[in-house]
Amino acid sequence: MEHCSEKEIVVNISEKVTIIEVSKATQKFEAEIYLKKVVRGTPYEINLKSFLGLINLNLKNGDKIVVKAVGSDCQEAMDEVVHYLSSNVG
């Protein structure tokens, strides 16, 4: 299984984009996509395809997160997620 490099980004999401849309955008990829965020010194890592995990991560604009993808199409998955979460698209 291919592992793509991790990338740290700053969240910049349009208010029009919901977490449901973010989670749905990842479903087309075979790769597993993970987001890691440090909250009060404790790192939390969730699978982006998990709607419940995404809710619990409580992403806000300005948050620094790490995006990681694992799988055959990991580079495409990572590129799309990074664009979606950091480019204020919507």
Protein backbone atom coordinates (compact mmCIF):
# COMPACT_ATOMS: atom_id res chain seq x y z
CA MET A 1 0.00 0.00 0.00
CA GLU A 2 1.41 3.36 -1.01
CA HIS A 3 1.90 6.05 1.61
CA CYS A 4 2.06 9.66 0.48
CA SER A 5 3.93 12.23 2.47
CA GLU A 6 2.12 14.23 5.10
CA LYS A 7 1.37 17.89 4.55
CA GLU A 8 0.68 20.57 7.16
CA ILE A 9 -1.89 23.16 6.13
CA VAL A 10 -3.91 25.97 7.67
CA VAL A 11 -7.66 25.45 7.35
CA ASN A 12 -9.38 28.08 5.22
CA ILE A 13 -12.86 26.83 4.32
CA SER A 14 -15.67 28.87 2.81
CA GLU A 15 -18.69 29.22 5.08
CA LYS A 16 -20.71 27.66 2.25
CA VAL A 17 -18.82 24.36 2.59
CA THR A 18 -20.18 21.89 5.14
CA ILE A 19 -18.36 18.99 6.75
CA ILE A 20 -20.78 16.69 4.93
CA GLU A 21 -19.46 18.00 1.61
CA VAL A 22 -15.85 17.58 2.74
CA SER A 23 -16.50 13.98 3.79
CA LYS A 24 -18.43 13.17 0.58
CA ALA A 25 -15.63 14.59 -1.58
CA THR A 26 -13.29 11.91 -0.22
CA GLN A 27 -15.55 8.92 -0.85
CA LYS A 28 -14.45 8.54 -4.49
CA PHE A 29 -10.88 7.72 -3.47
CA GLU A 30 -9.62 4.27 -2.53
CA ALA A 31 -7.01 5.90 -0.30
CA GLU A 32 -7.65 6.39 3.37
CA ILE A 33 -7.26 10.06 4.25
CA TYR A 34 -6.36 11.18 7.75
CA LEU A 35 -6.40 14.57 9.43
CA LYS A 36 -4.41 15.27 12.57
CA LYS A 37 -5.01 18.26 14.82
CA VAL A 38 -3.41 19.06 18.16
CA VAL A 39 -5.88 20.27 20.79
CA ARG A 40 -4.45 21.53 24.08
CA GLY A 41 -1.29 19.50 23.54
CA THR A 42 -3.08 16.28 22.64
CA PRO A 43 -2.93 15.07 19.01
CA TYR A 44 -6.17 13.77 17.50
CA GLU A 45 -6.17 11.85 14.22
CA ILE A 46 -9.33 10.96 12.33
CA ASN A 47 -10.19 9.25 9.07
CA LEU A 48 -11.65 11.97 6.86
CA LYS A 49 -14.16 9.49 5.43
CA SER A 50 -15.67 9.19 8.91
CA PHE A 51 -18.38 11.80 9.29
CA LEU A 52 -18.44 11.35 13.07
CA GLY A 53 -14.66 11.71 13.29
CA LEU A 54 -14.84 14.92 11.28
CA ILE A 55 -17.49 16.34 13.62
CA ASN A 56 -15.36 15.49 16.66
CA LEU A 57 -12.28 17.18 15.17
CA ASN A 58 -14.19 20.49 15.14
CA LEU A 59 -12.22 22.17 12.34
CA LYS A 60 -12.20 25.95 12.21
CA ASN A 61 -10.55 28.44 9.89
CA GLY A 62 -7.03 29.14 11.10
CA ASP A 63 -6.50 25.63 12.55
CA LYS A 64 -3.19 24.00 11.66
CA ILE A 65 -3.72 20.38 10.64
CA VAL A 66 -1.72 17.59 9.03
CA VAL A 67 -3.21 15.76 6.05
CA LYS A 68 -2.02 12.21 5.31
CA ALA A 69 -3.25 9.74 2.69
CA VAL A 70 -2.52 6.02 2.34
CA GLY A 71 -3.44 3.93 -0.70
CA SER A 72 -3.10 3.53 -4.44
CA ASP A 73 -4.53 6.95 -5.31
CA CYS A 74 -3.13 8.75 -2.27
CA GLN A 75 -1.50 11.62 -4.16
CA GLU A 76 -4.73 12.57 -5.95
CA ALA A 77 -6.67 12.25 -2.71
CA MET A 78 -4.20 14.39 -0.79
CA ASP A 79 -4.11 17.07 -3.49
CA GLU A 80 -7.90 17.37 -3.53
CA VAL A 81 -8.26 17.43 0.25
CA VAL A 82 -5.51 20.04 0.66
CA HIS A 83 -7.15 22.20 -2.01
CA TYR A 84 -10.62 21.74 -0.47
CA LEU A 85 -9.53 22.57 3.08
CA SER A 86 -7.09 25.40 2.41
CA SER A 87 -8.31 27.29 -0.66
CA ASN A 88 -11.61 28.76 0.54
CA VAL A 89 -13.46 26.99 -2.29
CA GLY A 90 -17.20 26.80 -2.34
